[in-house]
Structure formats: C-alpha cells, structure tokens
C-alpha cells in the first residue's frame, strides 16, 4: 500500500485524479466544499476530511484540484487551509485543472521553513 495522498477539490477532475491514485494503491484523504463529492469517494475507501488543513495533517502529499485562483489561494492559505495543517515535510503540488501555472500561491508557503 502506498503513502496517503490528499486531494483538495474532488469534482470532476479531482475525482479522476483520486481514481488513478487509488488504483495505484494510495490511501486517500479528500476534501471538497460539496459534501456529496466527498461522500462518493468515502464510499470507495477514501478518508473524508472536514477541511484542507485536515487533509494536510493526514497526507504528506497534497494536490489542489480547484477551478479558480481564488479557490486555490483560500484552500492553501485561508483559515483551515492546507498551510494550517502542513509541516515542513508536506509536499503541496501546484494547482491542477487550470492554465495559470505561475499563479501567486507560493509566497505563503514560505512560512513553513
């Protein structure tokens, strides 16, 4: 069994990412603002998290699969965001699912040093 992987945002693309990771043997910790999306993955063995911070506390690697820059910023640096539960060893992967690869999300991550 692989290392737990966290996914914040399990809509259409996030659920597909979750399926690939699950099939590769990784336990999943998932969060989404739409409870039904989380419940659907929990029924297939994923651990449901109440916040992005809880995802980060329970998975060393965290994907964000969200539709907008604002939602990514909130999920990472907002109240109960990934940074609130992360350690210096947490790997926060760049936002997946949209075409702004240079979005200004990294500066808040420097607080983990």
N, C-alpha and C. Protein backbone atom coordinates (compact mmCIF):
# COMPACT_ATOMS: atom_id res chain seq x y z
N UNK A 1 0.85 -1.17 0.00
CA UNK A 1 0.00 0.00 0.00
C UNK A 1 0.89 1.24 0.00
N UNK A 2 0.51 2.23 -0.78
CA UNK A 2 1.29 3.45 -0.90
C UNK A 2 1.07 4.42 0.25
N UNK A 3 1.76 5.51 0.17
CA UNK A 3 1.65 6.59 1.15
C UNK A 3 0.34 7.35 0.95
N UNK A 4 -0.31 7.80 2.03
CA UNK A 4 -1.54 8.56 1.88
C UNK A 4 -1.33 9.83 1.05
N UNK A 5 -2.27 10.11 0.19
CA UNK A 5 -2.24 11.30 -0.66
C UNK A 5 -3.51 12.09 -0.39
N UNK A 6 -3.37 13.40 -0.28
CA UNK A 6 -4.51 14.27 -0.05
C UNK A 6 -4.93 14.97 -1.32
N UNK A 7 -6.23 15.16 -1.47
CA UNK A 7 -6.77 15.90 -2.60
C UNK A 7 -7.80 16.90 -2.07
N UNK A 8 -7.56 18.17 -2.37
CA UNK A 8 -8.50 19.22 -2.02
C UNK A 8 -9.17 19.63 -3.32
N UNK A 9 -10.46 19.33 -3.42
CA UNK A 9 -11.21 19.57 -4.64
C UNK A 9 -11.41 18.27 -5.39
N UNK A 10 -12.56 17.64 -5.16
CA UNK A 10 -12.82 16.34 -5.78
C UNK A 10 -14.06 16.39 -6.67
N UNK A 11 -14.10 17.42 -7.50
CA UNK A 11 -15.14 17.50 -8.53
C UNK A 11 -14.79 16.54 -9.65
N UNK A 12 -15.11 16.89 -10.85
CA UNK A 12 -14.89 16.01 -12.00
C UNK A 12 -13.41 15.63 -12.16
N UNK A 13 -12.52 16.60 -12.23
CA UNK A 13 -11.09 16.31 -12.40
C UNK A 13 -10.48 15.72 -11.14
N UNK A 14 -10.81 16.29 -9.98
CA UNK A 14 -10.26 15.78 -8.73
C UNK A 14 -10.66 14.34 -8.46
N UNK A 15 -11.88 13.97 -8.80
CA UNK A 15 -12.32 12.58 -8.65
C UNK A 15 -11.55 11.65 -9.58
N UNK A 16 -11.25 12.13 -10.78
CA UNK A 16 -10.46 11.32 -11.72
C UNK A 16 -9.05 11.11 -11.19
N UNK A 17 -8.45 12.17 -10.65
CA UNK A 17 -7.11 12.07 -10.04
C UNK A 17 -7.17 11.08 -8.88
N UNK A 18 -8.21 11.18 -8.07
CA UNK A 18 -8.37 10.27 -6.94
C UNK A 18 -8.45 8.82 -7.40
N UNK A 19 -9.18 8.57 -8.48
CA UNK A 19 -9.30 7.21 -9.00
C UNK A 19 -7.96 6.64 -9.44
N UNK A 20 -7.16 7.43 -10.11
CA UNK A 20 -5.84 6.97 -10.56
C UNK A 20 -4.96 6.66 -9.36
N UNK A 21 -4.96 7.55 -8.37
CA UNK A 21 -4.13 7.34 -7.18
C UNK A 21 -4.60 6.13 -6.38
N UNK A 22 -5.92 5.97 -6.26
CA UNK A 22 -6.47 4.81 -5.54
C UNK A 22 -6.08 3.52 -6.25
N UNK A 23 -6.20 3.52 -7.58
CA UNK A 23 -5.84 2.32 -8.35
C UNK A 23 -4.35 1.99 -8.23
N UNK A 24 -3.54 3.02 -7.96
CA UNK A 24 -2.10 2.80 -7.77
C UNK A 24 -1.78 2.36 -6.34
N UNK A 25 -2.79 2.25 -5.50
CA UNK A 25 -2.59 1.74 -4.15
C UNK A 25 -2.40 2.77 -3.07
N UNK A 26 -2.67 4.03 -3.37
CA UNK A 26 -2.51 5.08 -2.35
C UNK A 26 -3.80 5.29 -1.57
N UNK A 27 -3.72 5.25 -0.25
CA UNK A 27 -4.87 5.66 0.55
C UNK A 27 -5.12 7.15 0.30
N UNK A 28 -6.37 7.56 0.31
CA UNK A 28 -6.72 8.94 0.00
C UNK A 28 -7.36 9.65 1.19
N UNK A 29 -7.04 10.94 1.31
CA UNK A 29 -7.69 11.84 2.25
C UNK A 29 -8.23 12.97 1.39
N UNK A 30 -9.54 13.19 1.40
CA UNK A 30 -10.15 14.13 0.45
C UNK A 30 -11.02 15.17 1.15
N UNK A 31 -11.09 16.34 0.51
CA UNK A 31 -11.96 17.42 0.99
C UNK A 31 -12.51 18.19 -0.21
N UNK A 32 -13.75 18.61 -0.07
CA UNK A 32 -14.39 19.46 -1.07
C UNK A 32 -15.49 20.24 -0.37
N UNK A 33 -15.83 21.39 -0.89
CA UNK A 33 -16.93 22.16 -0.31
C UNK A 33 -18.28 21.51 -0.59
N UNK A 34 -18.33 20.61 -1.55
CA UNK A 34 -19.55 19.87 -1.88
C UNK A 34 -19.47 18.51 -1.19
N UNK A 35 -20.21 18.36 -0.11
CA UNK A 35 -20.14 17.16 0.72
C UNK A 35 -20.43 15.88 -0.06
N UNK A 36 -21.32 15.94 -1.03
CA UNK A 36 -21.67 14.74 -1.81
C UNK A 36 -20.47 14.20 -2.58
N UNK A 37 -19.60 15.08 -3.04
CA UNK A 37 -18.40 14.64 -3.77
C UNK A 37 -17.48 13.85 -2.84
N UNK A 38 -17.34 14.34 -1.63
CA UNK A 38 -16.50 13.66 -0.64
C UNK A 38 -17.14 12.33 -0.25
N UNK A 39 -18.44 12.32 -0.02
CA UNK A 39 -19.15 11.10 0.36
C UNK A 39 -18.99 10.01 -0.68
N UNK A 40 -19.06 10.39 -1.95
CA UNK A 40 -18.92 9.40 -3.03
C UNK A 40 -17.56 8.72 -2.97
N UNK A 41 -16.51 9.48 -2.69
CA UNK A 41 -15.17 8.87 -2.59
C UNK A 41 -15.00 8.11 -1.28
N UNK A 42 -15.63 8.59 -0.21
CA UNK A 42 -15.55 7.88 1.07
C UNK A 42 -16.19 6.50 0.97
N UNK A 43 -17.25 6.39 0.18
CA UNK A 43 -17.89 5.09 -0.03
C UNK A 43 -16.96 4.11 -0.72
N UNK A 44 -15.95 4.63 -1.40
CA UNK A 44 -14.98 3.77 -2.09
C UNK A 44 -13.65 3.71 -1.34
N UNK A 45 -13.67 4.08 -0.06
CA UNK A 45 -12.50 3.87 0.77
C UNK A 45 -11.66 5.08 1.12
N UNK A 46 -11.96 6.24 0.56
CA UNK A 46 -11.20 7.44 0.91
C UNK A 46 -11.60 7.92 2.30
N UNK A 47 -10.66 8.58 2.95
CA UNK A 47 -10.96 9.20 4.23
C UNK A 47 -11.49 10.61 3.97
N UNK A 48 -12.64 10.94 4.51
CA UNK A 48 -13.23 12.26 4.35
C UNK A 48 -12.63 13.22 5.37
N UNK A 49 -12.18 14.38 4.90
CA UNK A 49 -11.63 15.41 5.78
C UNK A 49 -12.59 16.58 5.83
N UNK A 50 -12.68 17.21 6.99
CA UNK A 50 -13.59 18.35 7.16
C UNK A 50 -12.99 19.66 6.67
N UNK A 51 -11.69 19.66 6.39
CA UNK A 51 -11.03 20.89 5.93
C UNK A 51 -9.77 20.53 5.16
N UNK A 52 -9.24 21.52 4.44
CA UNK A 52 -7.97 21.32 3.75
C UNK A 52 -6.84 21.12 4.77
N UNK A 53 -6.95 21.77 5.93
CA UNK A 53 -5.94 21.58 6.98
C UNK A 53 -5.92 20.13 7.45
N UNK A 54 -7.09 19.53 7.59
CA UNK A 54 -7.16 18.12 7.99
C UNK A 54 -6.55 17.22 6.93
N UNK A 55 -6.74 17.56 5.67
CA UNK A 55 -6.10 16.81 4.59
C UNK A 55 -4.59 16.84 4.80
N UNK A 56 -4.03 18.03 5.01
CA UNK A 56 -2.58 18.18 5.17
C UNK A 56 -2.06 17.47 6.41
N UNK A 57 -2.83 17.42 7.47
CA UNK A 57 -2.40 16.72 8.68
C UNK A 57 -2.31 15.21 8.48
N UNK A 58 -3.04 14.70 7.48
CA UNK A 58 -3.13 13.25 7.31
C UNK A 58 -2.51 12.72 6.02
N UNK A 59 -1.89 13.60 5.24
CA UNK A 59 -1.23 13.17 3.99
C UNK A 59 0.00 14.04 3.78
N UNK A 60 1.12 13.42 3.46
CA UNK A 60 2.34 14.19 3.24
C UNK A 60 2.30 14.92 1.90
N UNK A 61 1.60 14.36 0.92
CA UNK A 61 1.47 14.96 -0.41
C UNK A 61 0.03 15.43 -0.59
N UNK A 62 -0.14 16.70 -0.99
CA UNK A 62 -1.48 17.27 -1.16
C UNK A 62 -1.61 17.89 -2.55
N UNK A 63 -2.61 17.43 -3.28
CA UNK A 63 -2.99 18.02 -4.57
C UNK A 63 -4.09 19.04 -4.32
N UNK A 64 -4.07 20.14 -5.06
CA UNK A 64 -5.23 21.04 -5.10
C UNK A 64 -5.78 20.99 -6.51
N UNK A 65 -7.03 20.62 -6.62
CA UNK A 65 -7.69 20.49 -7.93
C UNK A 65 -8.95 21.36 -7.87
N UNK A 66 -8.74 22.64 -8.10
CA UNK A 66 -9.80 23.63 -7.90
C UNK A 66 -9.95 24.53 -9.12
N UNK A 67 -11.13 25.14 -9.28
CA UNK A 67 -11.42 25.84 -10.54
C UNK A 67 -10.86 27.25 -10.69
N UNK A 68 -10.54 27.94 -9.60
CA UNK A 68 -10.12 29.34 -9.73
C UNK A 68 -8.92 29.64 -8.84
N UNK A 69 -8.22 30.70 -9.19
CA UNK A 69 -7.09 31.15 -8.37
C UNK A 69 -7.56 31.47 -6.95
N UNK A 70 -8.69 32.10 -6.82
CA UNK A 70 -9.21 32.45 -5.50
C UNK A 70 -9.47 31.21 -4.66
N UNK A 71 -10.04 30.18 -5.27
CA UNK A 71 -10.31 28.96 -4.50
C UNK A 71 -9.02 28.26 -4.11
N UNK A 72 -8.01 28.31 -4.96
CA UNK A 72 -6.71 27.72 -4.63
C UNK A 72 -6.07 28.49 -3.48
N UNK A 73 -6.06 29.81 -3.58
CA UNK A 73 -5.47 30.63 -2.51
C UNK A 73 -6.15 30.36 -1.18
N UNK A 74 -7.48 30.28 -1.19
CA UNK A 74 -8.22 30.02 0.04
C UNK A 74 -7.93 28.62 0.58
N UNK A 75 -7.89 27.64 -0.31
CA UNK A 75 -7.64 26.26 0.12
C UNK A 75 -6.23 26.08 0.68
N UNK A 76 -5.29 26.85 0.18
CA UNK A 76 -3.92 26.71 0.67
C UNK A 76 -3.65 27.62 1.86
N UNK A 77 -3.96 28.91 1.73
CA UNK A 77 -3.54 29.87 2.74
C UNK A 77 -4.67 30.42 3.60
N UNK A 78 -5.91 30.04 3.33
CA UNK A 78 -7.04 30.55 4.11
C UNK A 78 -7.16 29.88 5.46
N UNK A 79 -8.16 30.33 6.22
CA UNK A 79 -8.45 29.71 7.51
C UNK A 79 -8.76 28.24 7.27
N UNK A 80 -8.15 27.35 8.02
CA UNK A 80 -8.29 25.90 7.85
C UNK A 80 -7.80 25.42 6.49
N UNK A 81 -6.90 26.19 5.88
CA UNK A 81 -6.30 25.78 4.61
C UNK A 81 -5.16 24.80 4.82
N UNK A 82 -4.61 24.35 3.72
CA UNK A 82 -3.53 23.36 3.76
C UNK A 82 -2.40 23.80 4.69
N UNK A 83 -2.00 25.07 4.61
CA UNK A 83 -0.88 25.53 5.44
C UNK A 83 -1.16 25.41 6.93
N UNK A 84 -2.41 25.49 7.33
CA UNK A 84 -2.77 25.36 8.74
C UNK A 84 -2.51 23.96 9.27
N UNK A 85 -2.47 22.97 8.39
CA UNK A 85 -2.23 21.60 8.82
C UNK A 85 -0.92 21.02 8.34
N UNK A 86 -0.19 21.78 7.55
CA UNK A 86 1.05 21.29 6.93
C UNK A 86 2.24 21.40 7.87
N UNK A 87 3.25 20.60 7.57
CA UNK A 87 4.54 20.71 8.23
C UNK A 87 5.57 21.05 7.16
N UNK A 88 6.81 21.20 7.56
CA UNK A 88 7.87 21.48 6.59
C UNK A 88 8.06 20.31 5.62
N UNK A 89 7.58 19.13 5.96
CA UNK A 89 7.71 17.96 5.09
C UNK A 89 6.54 17.78 4.13
N UNK A 90 5.50 18.56 4.28
CA UNK A 90 4.34 18.44 3.41
C UNK A 90 4.68 18.92 2.00
N UNK A 91 4.31 18.12 1.02
CA UNK A 91 4.50 18.49 -0.38
C UNK A 91 3.15 18.98 -0.90
N UNK A 92 3.10 20.25 -1.27
CA UNK A 92 1.87 20.83 -1.81
C UNK A 92 2.08 20.98 -3.30
N UNK A 93 1.38 20.16 -4.06
CA UNK A 93 1.57 20.17 -5.51
C UNK A 93 0.86 21.37 -6.13
N UNK A 94 1.40 21.87 -7.22
CA UNK A 94 0.80 23.04 -7.88
C UNK A 94 -0.65 22.78 -8.24
N UNK A 95 -1.41 23.85 -8.35
CA UNK A 95 -2.82 23.68 -8.72
C UNK A 95 -2.99 22.88 -10.00
N UNK A 96 -3.91 21.94 -9.96
CA UNK A 96 -4.22 21.12 -11.13
C UNK A 96 -5.57 21.59 -11.68
N UNK A 97 -5.72 21.51 -12.97
CA UNK A 97 -7.04 21.71 -13.55
C UNK A 97 -7.28 23.03 -14.24
N UNK A 98 -6.30 23.93 -14.25
CA UNK A 98 -6.47 25.18 -14.97
C UNK A 98 -5.14 25.68 -15.46
N UNK A 99 -5.15 26.70 -16.27
CA UNK A 99 -3.96 27.07 -17.03
C UNK A 99 -3.23 28.32 -16.51
N UNK A 100 -3.08 28.44 -15.21
CA UNK A 100 -2.29 29.55 -14.66
C UNK A 100 -1.16 28.98 -13.83
N UNK A 101 -0.18 28.34 -14.47
CA UNK A 101 0.86 27.65 -13.72
C UNK A 101 1.73 28.57 -12.88
N UNK A 102 1.72 29.86 -13.13
CA UNK A 102 2.54 30.78 -12.35
C UNK A 102 1.71 31.64 -11.40
N UNK A 103 0.60 31.11 -10.97
CA UNK A 103 -0.27 31.84 -10.05
C UNK A 103 0.48 32.12 -8.75
N UNK A 104 0.24 33.27 -8.14
CA UNK A 104 1.00 33.67 -6.94
C UNK A 104 0.52 32.98 -5.67
N UNK A 105 0.73 31.68 -5.58
CA UNK A 105 0.34 30.93 -4.39
C UNK A 105 1.55 30.62 -3.53
N UNK A 106 2.72 30.54 -4.11
CA UNK A 106 3.92 30.12 -3.39
C UNK A 106 4.34 31.01 -2.23
N UNK A 107 4.23 32.33 -2.27
CA UNK A 107 4.74 33.13 -1.15
C UNK A 107 4.23 32.70 0.23
N UNK A 108 2.94 32.40 0.42
CA UNK A 108 2.51 31.97 1.75
C UNK A 108 3.16 30.66 2.19
N UNK A 109 3.56 29.83 1.24
CA UNK A 109 4.16 28.54 1.58
C UNK A 109 5.52 28.72 2.23
N UNK A 110 6.17 29.86 2.04
CA UNK A 110 7.49 30.08 2.63
C UNK A 110 7.43 30.11 4.15
N UNK A 111 6.25 30.23 4.72
CA UNK A 111 6.12 30.26 6.18
C UNK A 111 6.42 28.92 6.81
N UNK A 112 6.55 27.87 6.03
CA UNK A 112 6.79 26.53 6.59
C UNK A 112 8.26 26.22 6.82
N UNK A 113 9.15 27.10 6.46
CA UNK A 113 10.59 26.82 6.62
C UNK A 113 10.97 26.52 8.03
